[in-house]
PDB file of N, CA and C in Angstrom:
ATOM      1  N   MET A   1     -47.478   3.682   4.182  1.00  0.00           N
ATOM      2  CA  MET A   1     -48.265   2.474   3.977  1.00  0.00           C
ATOM      3  C   MET A   1     -49.578   2.801   3.283  1.00  0.00           C
ATOM      4  N   ARG A   2     -50.248   3.856   3.723  1.00  0.00           N
ATOM      5  CA  ARG A   2     -51.552   4.192   3.146  1.00  0.00           C
ATOM      6  C   ARG A   2     -51.453   4.489   1.651  1.00  0.00           C
ATOM      7  N   ASP A   3     -50.382   5.202   1.259  1.00  0.00           N
ATOM      8  CA  ASP A   3     -50.225   5.587  -0.145  1.00  0.00           C
ATOM      9  C   ASP A   3     -50.154   4.364  -1.048  1.00  0.00           C
ATOM     10  N   THR A   4     -49.477   3.318  -0.580  1.00  0.00           N
ATOM     11  CA  THR A   4     -49.301   2.137  -1.417  1.00  0.00           C
ATOM     12  C   THR A   4     -50.619   1.375  -1.576  1.00  0.00           C
ATOM     13  N   LEU A   5     -51.524   1.518  -0.616  1.00  0.00           N
ATOM     14  CA  LEU A   5     -52.794   0.784  -0.687  1.00  0.00           C
ATOM     15  C   LEU A   5     -53.761   1.405  -1.684  1.00  0.00           C
ATOM     16  N   ILE A   6     -53.643   2.690  -1.923  1.00  0.00           N
ATOM     17  CA  ILE A   6     -54.579   3.358  -2.814  1.00  0.00           C
ATOM     18  C   ILE A   6     -54.055   3.274  -4.248  1.00  0.00           C
ATOM     19  N   ALA A   7     -54.825   2.631  -5.096  1.00  0.00           N
ATOM     20  CA  ALA A   7     -54.423   2.526  -6.502  1.00  0.00           C
ATOM     21  C   ALA A   7     -54.701   3.848  -7.196  1.00  0.00           C
ATOM     22  N   SER A   8     -53.781   4.255  -8.043  1.00  0.00           N
ATOM     23  CA  SER A   8     -53.991   5.495  -8.794  1.00  0.00           C
ATOM     24  C   SER A   8     -55.004   5.241  -9.901  1.00  0.00           C
ATOM     25  N   LYS A   9     -55.517   6.311 -10.468  1.00  0.00           N
ATOM     26  CA  LYS A   9     -56.504   6.190 -11.537  1.00  0.00           C
ATOM     27  C   LYS A   9     -55.917   5.448 -12.733  1.00  0.00           C
ATOM     28  N   ASP A  10     -54.642   5.745 -13.042  1.00  0.00           N
ATOM     29  CA  ASP A  10     -53.975   5.064 -14.160  1.00  0.00           C
ATOM     30  C   ASP A  10     -53.909   3.566 -13.921  1.00  0.00           C
ATOM     31  N   GLN A  11     -53.572   3.193 -12.701  1.00  0.00           N
ATOM     32  CA  GLN A  11     -53.484   1.771 -12.368  1.00  0.00           C
ATOM     33  C   GLN A  11     -54.847   1.109 -12.510  1.00  0.00           C
ATOM     34  N   ALA A  12     -55.879   1.808 -12.087  1.00  0.00           N
ATOM     35  CA  ALA A  12     -57.232   1.267 -12.181  1.00  0.00           C
ATOM     36  C   ALA A  12     -57.615   1.049 -13.640  1.00  0.00           C
ATOM     37  N   GLN A  13     -57.282   2.028 -14.488  1.00  0.00           N
ATOM     38  CA  GLN A  13     -57.590   1.901 -15.917  1.00  0.00           C
ATOM     39  C   GLN A  13     -56.777   0.774 -16.544  1.00  0.00           C
ATOM     40  N   GLU A  14     -55.533   0.638 -16.117  1.00  0.00           N
ATOM     41  CA  GLU A  14     -54.683  -0.434 -16.622  1.00  0.00           C
ATOM     42  C   GLU A  14     -55.283  -1.787 -16.259  1.00  0.00           C
ATOM     43  N   LEU A  15     -55.720  -1.898 -15.007  1.00  0.00           N
ATOM     44  CA  LEU A  15     -56.345  -3.130 -14.532  1.00  0.00           C
ATOM     45  C   LEU A  15     -57.586  -3.440 -15.362  1.00  0.00           C
ATOM     46  N   GLU A  16     -58.363  -2.408 -15.645  1.00  0.00           N
ATOM     47  CA  GLU A  16     -59.559  -2.554 -16.475  1.00  0.00           C
ATOM     48  C   GLU A  16     -59.196  -3.136 -17.828  1.00  0.00           C
ATOM     49  N   LEU A  17     -58.170  -2.563 -18.454  1.00  0.00           N
ATOM     50  CA  LEU A  17     -57.752  -3.025 -19.784  1.00  0.00           C
ATOM     51  C   LEU A  17     -57.324  -4.482 -19.752  1.00  0.00           C
ATOM     52  N   VAL A  18     -56.560  -4.846 -18.736  1.00  0.00           N
ATOM     53  CA  VAL A  18     -56.085  -6.225 -18.618  1.00  0.00           C
ATOM     54  C   VAL A  18     -57.276  -7.168 -18.475  1.00  0.00           C
ATOM     55  N   LEU A  19     -58.209  -6.800 -17.611  1.00  0.00           N
ATOM     56  CA  LEU A  19     -59.392  -7.637 -17.399  1.00  0.00           C
ATOM     57  C   LEU A  19     -60.189  -7.784 -18.686  1.00  0.00           C
ATOM     58  N   ARG A  20     -60.346  -6.681 -19.417  1.00  0.00           N
ATOM     59  CA  ARG A  20     -61.132  -6.711 -20.645  1.00  0.00           C
ATOM     60  C   ARG A  20     -60.427  -7.545 -21.716  1.00  0.00           C
ATOM     61  N   ARG A  21     -59.089  -7.422 -21.787  1.00  0.00           N
ATOM     62  CA  ARG A  21     -58.326  -8.171 -22.782  1.00  0.00           C
ATOM     63  C   ARG A  21     -58.503  -9.670 -22.565  1.00  0.00           C
ATOM     64  N   LYS A  22     -58.534 -10.069 -21.311  1.00  0.00           N
ATOM     65  CA  LYS A  22     -58.690 -11.482 -21.003  1.00  0.00           C
ATOM     66  C   LYS A  22     -60.104 -11.956 -21.346  1.00  0.00           C
ATOM     67  N   GLY A  23     -61.000 -11.005 -21.539  1.00  0.00           N
ATOM     68  CA  GLY A  23     -62.359 -11.351 -21.914  1.00  0.00           C
ATOM     69  C   GLY A  23     -63.152 -11.936 -20.759  1.00  0.00           C
ATOM     70  N   LYS A  24     -62.642 -11.772 -19.552  1.00  0.00           N
ATOM     71  CA  LYS A  24     -63.321 -12.345 -18.394  1.00  0.00           C
ATOM     72  C   LYS A  24     -64.488 -11.485 -17.947  1.00  0.00           C
ATOM     73  N   THR A  25     -64.442 -10.215 -18.304  1.00  0.00           N
ATOM     74  CA  THR A  25     -65.452  -9.309 -17.779  1.00  0.00           C
ATOM     75  C   THR A  25     -65.690  -8.151 -18.727  1.00  0.00           C
ATOM     76  N   SER A  26     -66.849  -7.573 -18.626  1.00  0.00           N
ATOM     77  CA  SER A  26     -67.185  -6.414 -19.448  1.00  0.00           C
ATOM     78  C   SER A  26     -66.667  -5.147 -18.785  1.00  0.00           C
ATOM     79  N   MET A  27     -66.770  -4.046 -19.492  1.00  0.00           N
ATOM     80  CA  MET A  27     -66.338  -2.750 -18.966  1.00  0.00           C
ATOM     81  C   MET A  27     -67.074  -2.442 -17.660  1.00  0.00           C
ATOM     82  N   LYS A  28     -68.390  -2.668 -17.664  1.00  0.00           N
ATOM     83  CA  LYS A  28     -69.196  -2.369 -16.484  1.00  0.00           C
ATOM     84  C   LYS A  28     -68.728  -3.192 -15.282  1.00  0.00           C
ATOM     85  N   LYS A  29     -68.517  -4.471 -15.511  1.00  0.00           N
ATOM     86  CA  LYS A  29     -68.075  -5.351 -14.426  1.00  0.00           C
ATOM     87  C   LYS A  29     -66.700  -4.951 -13.921  1.00  0.00           C
ATOM     88  N   ALA A  30     -65.828  -4.588 -14.864  1.00  0.00           N
ATOM     89  CA  ALA A  30     -64.475  -4.196 -14.481  1.00  0.00           C
ATOM     90  C   ALA A  30     -64.523  -2.975 -13.566  1.00  0.00           C
ATOM     91  N   LYS A  31     -65.359  -1.996 -13.934  1.00  0.00           N
ATOM     92  CA  LYS A  31     -65.482  -0.791 -13.107  1.00  0.00           C
ATOM     93  C   LYS A  31     -66.023  -1.139 -11.731  1.00  0.00           C
ATOM     94  N   LYS A  32     -67.018  -2.042 -11.703  1.00  0.00           N
ATOM     95  CA  LYS A  32     -67.612  -2.445 -10.437  1.00  0.00           C
ATOM     96  C   LYS A  32     -66.562  -3.137  -9.564  1.00  0.00           C
ATOM     97  N   ASN A  33     -65.769  -4.002 -10.191  1.00  0.00           N
ATOM     98  CA  ASN A  33     -64.718  -4.699  -9.453  1.00  0.00           C
ATOM     99  C   ASN A  33     -63.733  -3.717  -8.842  1.00  0.00           C
ATOM    100  N   ILE A  34     -63.365  -2.709  -9.620  1.00  0.00           N
ATOM    101  CA  ILE A  34     -62.404  -1.718  -9.134  1.00  0.00           C
ATOM    102  C   ILE A  34     -63.004  -0.926  -7.975  1.00  0.00           C
ATOM    103  N   LYS A  35     -64.298  -0.563  -8.110  1.00  0.00           N
ATOM    104  CA  LYS A  35     -64.962   0.169  -7.021  1.00  0.00           C
ATOM    105  C   LYS A  35     -64.983  -0.678  -5.762  1.00  0.00           C
ATOM    106  N   ASN A  36     -65.351  -1.958  -5.911  1.00  0.00           N
ATOM    107  CA  ASN A  36     -65.401  -2.852  -4.761  1.00  0.00           C
ATOM    108  C   ASN A  36     -64.024  -3.017  -4.145  1.00  0.00           C
ATOM    109  N   PHE A  37     -63.016  -3.104  -5.007  1.00  0.00           N
ATOM    110  CA  PHE A  37     -61.646  -3.250  -4.539  1.00  0.00           C
ATOM    111  C   PHE A  37     -61.230  -2.029  -3.725  1.00  0.00           C
ATOM    112  N   LYS A  38     -61.578  -0.834  -4.231  1.00  0.00           N
ATOM    113  CA  LYS A  38     -61.230   0.395  -3.514  1.00  0.00           C
ATOM    114  C   LYS A  38     -61.952   0.458  -2.169  1.00  0.00           C
ATOM    115  N   LYS A  39     -63.242   0.058  -2.154  1.00  0.00           N
ATOM    116  CA  LYS A  39     -63.997   0.028  -0.898  1.00  0.00           C
ATOM    117  C   LYS A  39     -63.329  -0.916   0.081  1.00  0.00           C
ATOM    118  N   PHE A  40     -62.923  -2.081  -0.439  1.00  0.00           N
ATOM    119  CA  PHE A  40     -62.255  -3.084   0.387  1.00  0.00           C
ATOM    120  C   PHE A  40     -60.969  -2.511   0.979  1.00  0.00           C
ATOM    121  N   ILE A  41     -60.181  -1.832   0.136  1.00  0.00           N
ATOM    122  CA  ILE A  41     -58.930  -1.227   0.594  1.00  0.00           C
ATOM    123  C   ILE A  41     -59.221  -0.206   1.696  1.00  0.00           C
ATOM    124  N   GLN A  42     -60.258   0.619   1.493  1.00  0.00           N
ATOM    125  CA  GLN A  42     -60.596   1.641   2.494  1.00  0.00           C
ATOM    126  C   GLN A  42     -60.994   0.994   3.812  1.00  0.00           C
ATOM    127  N   SER A  43     -61.784  -0.082   3.745  1.00  0.00           N
ATOM    128  CA  SER A  43     -62.209  -0.743   4.979  1.00  0.00           C
ATOM    129  C   SER A  43     -61.001  -1.357   5.683  1.00  0.00           C
ATOM    130  N   VAL A  44     -60.098  -1.935   4.897  1.00  0.00           N
ATOM    131  CA  VAL A  44     -58.877  -2.497   5.482  1.00  0.00           C
ATOM    132  C   VAL A  44     -58.077  -1.395   6.150  1.00  0.00           C
ATOM    133  N   ARG A  45     -57.963  -0.243   5.445  1.00  0.00           N
ATOM    134  CA  ARG A  45     -57.197   0.869   5.989  1.00  0.00           C
ATOM    135  C   ARG A  45     -57.771   1.314   7.326  1.00  0.00           C
ATOM    136  N   ARG A  46     -59.097   1.385   7.397  1.00  0.00           N
ATOM    137  CA  ARG A  46     -59.739   1.809   8.649  1.00  0.00           C
ATOM    138  C   ARG A  46     -59.402   0.852   9.774  1.00  0.00           C
ATOM    139  N   THR A  47     -59.491  -0.456   9.508  1.00  0.00           N
ATOM    140  CA  THR A  47     -59.208  -1.416  10.573  1.00  0.00           C
ATOM    141  C   THR A  47     -57.741  -1.337  10.982  1.00  0.00           C
ATOM    142  N   VAL A  48     -56.862  -1.107  10.002  1.00  0.00           N
ATOM    143  CA  VAL A  48     -55.438  -0.972  10.320  1.00  0.00           C
ATOM    144  C   VAL A  48     -55.223   0.228  11.231  1.00  0.00           C
ATOM    145  N   VAL A  49     -55.861   1.349  10.901  1.00  0.00           N
ATOM    146  CA  VAL A  49     -55.709   2.569  11.697  1.00  0.00           C
ATOM    147  C   VAL A  49     -56.259   2.344  13.103  1.00  0.00           C
ATOM    148  N   ILE A  50     -57.429   1.696  13.207  1.00  0.00           N
ATOM    149  CA  ILE A  50     -58.061   1.469  14.500  1.00  0.00           C
ATOM    150  C   ILE A  50     -57.171   0.567  15.365  1.00  0.00           C
ATOM    151  N   ASN A  51     -56.598  -0.462  14.734  1.00  0.00           N
ATOM    152  CA  ASN A  51     -55.846  -1.452  15.496  1.00  0.00           C
ATOM    153  C   ASN A  51     -54.368  -1.109  15.659  1.00  0.00           C
ATOM    154  N   GLN A  52     -53.954   0.023  15.089  1.00  0.00           N
ATOM    155  CA  GLN A  52     -52.535   0.351  15.098  1.00  0.00           C
ATOM    156  C   GLN A  52     -51.934   0.376  16.500  1.00  0.00           C
ATOM    157  N   ASP A  53     -52.685   0.901  17.463  1.00  0.00           N
ATOM    158  CA  ASP A  53     -52.160   1.016  18.828  1.00  0.00           C
ATOM    159  C   ASP A  53     -51.878  -0.351  19.436  1.00  0.00           C
ATOM    160  N   HIS A  54     -52.683  -1.342  19.030  1.00  0.00           N
ATOM    161  CA  HIS A  54     -52.585  -2.648  19.674  1.00  0.00           C
ATOM    162  C   HIS A  54     -51.633  -3.593  18.934  1.00  0.00           C
ATOM    163  N   VAL A  55     -51.418  -3.324  17.652  1.00  0.00           N
ATOM    164  CA  VAL A  55     -50.617  -4.248  16.845  1.00  0.00           C
ATOM    165  C   VAL A  55     -49.177  -3.765  16.753  1.00  0.00           C
ATOM    166  N   LEU A  56     -48.272  -4.619  17.170  1.00  0.00           N
ATOM    167  CA  LEU A  56     -46.849  -4.312  17.038  1.00  0.00           C
ATOM    168  C   LEU A  56     -46.276  -5.217  15.957  1.00  0.00           C
ATOM    169  N   LEU A  57     -45.742  -4.609  14.911  1.00  0.00           N
ATOM    170  CA  LEU A  57     -45.193  -5.385  13.803  1.00  0.00           C
ATOM    171  C   LEU A  57     -43.714  -5.623  14.009  1.00  0.00           C
ATOM    172  N   SER A  58     -43.279  -6.813  13.676  1.00  0.00           N
ATOM    173  CA  SER A  58     -41.845  -7.078  13.665  1.00  0.00           C
ATOM    174  C   SER A  58     -41.261  -6.409  12.433  1.00  0.00           C
ATOM    175  N   PRO A  59     -39.959  -6.113  12.413  1.00  0.00           N
ATOM    176  CA  PRO A  59     -39.356  -5.435  11.254  1.00  0.00           C
ATOM    177  C   PRO A  59     -39.624  -6.149   9.932  1.00  0.00           C
ATOM    178  N   SER A  60     -39.603  -7.483   9.937  1.00  0.00           N
ATOM    179  CA  SER A  60     -39.836  -8.220   8.686  1.00  0.00           C
ATOM    180  C   SER A  60     -41.267  -8.010   8.207  1.00  0.00           C
ATOM    181  N   GLN A  61     -42.222  -7.962   9.124  1.00  0.00           N
ATOM    182  CA  GLN A  61     -43.616  -7.720   8.753  1.00  0.00           C
ATOM    183  C   GLN A  61     -43.782  -6.317   8.177  1.00  0.00           C
ATOM    184  N   GLU A  62     -43.083  -5.345   8.786  1.00  0.00           N
ATOM    185  CA  GLU A  62     -43.178  -3.965   8.303  1.00  0.00           C
ATOM    186  C   GLU A  62     -42.685  -3.869   6.864  1.00  0.00           C
ATOM    187  N   LYS A  63     -41.604  -4.574   6.561  1.00  0.00           N
ATOM    188  CA  LYS A  63     -41.066  -4.553   5.199  1.00  0.00           C
ATOM    189  C   LYS A  63     -42.102  -5.100   4.224  1.00  0.00           C
ATOM    190  N   GLN A  64     -42.767  -6.190   4.591  1.00  0.00           N
ATOM    191  CA  GLN A  64     -43.785  -6.788   3.735  1.00  0.00           C
ATOM    192  C   GLN A  64     -44.939  -5.816   3.538  1.00  0.00           C
ATOM    193  N   GLU A  65     -45.312  -5.100   4.582  1.00  0.00           N
ATOM    194  CA  GLU A  65     -46.413  -4.143   4.495  1.00  0.00           C
ATOM    195  C   GLU A  65     -46.100  -3.038   3.486  1.00  0.00           C
ATOM    196  N   ARG A  66     -44.829  -2.632   3.439  1.00  0.00           N
ATOM    197  CA  ARG A  66     -44.448  -1.520   2.562  1.00  0.00           C
ATOM    198  C   ARG A  66     -44.477  -1.923   1.096  1.00  0.00           C
ATOM    199  N   LEU A  67     -44.235  -3.195   0.819  1.00  0.00           N
ATOM    200  CA  LEU A  67     -44.166  -3.655  -0.580  1.00  0.00           C
ATOM    201  C   LEU A  67     -45.513  -3.659  -1.245  1.00  0.00           C
TER     202      LEU A  67
END
């Protein structure tokens, strides 16, 4: 699960290109967005790890988590 949450550098650069092509954001903003996104993912990961003992996922939920 953790591996799927972390975007690779290539994916981050791809996301940057897509954002820039759409003209919605500059290079600087795109990088900032990616950094914020990674921070968000890390914070989510921490809460998932902390709550793992208490949260029991049904098989269907687990499948969704893996995707």
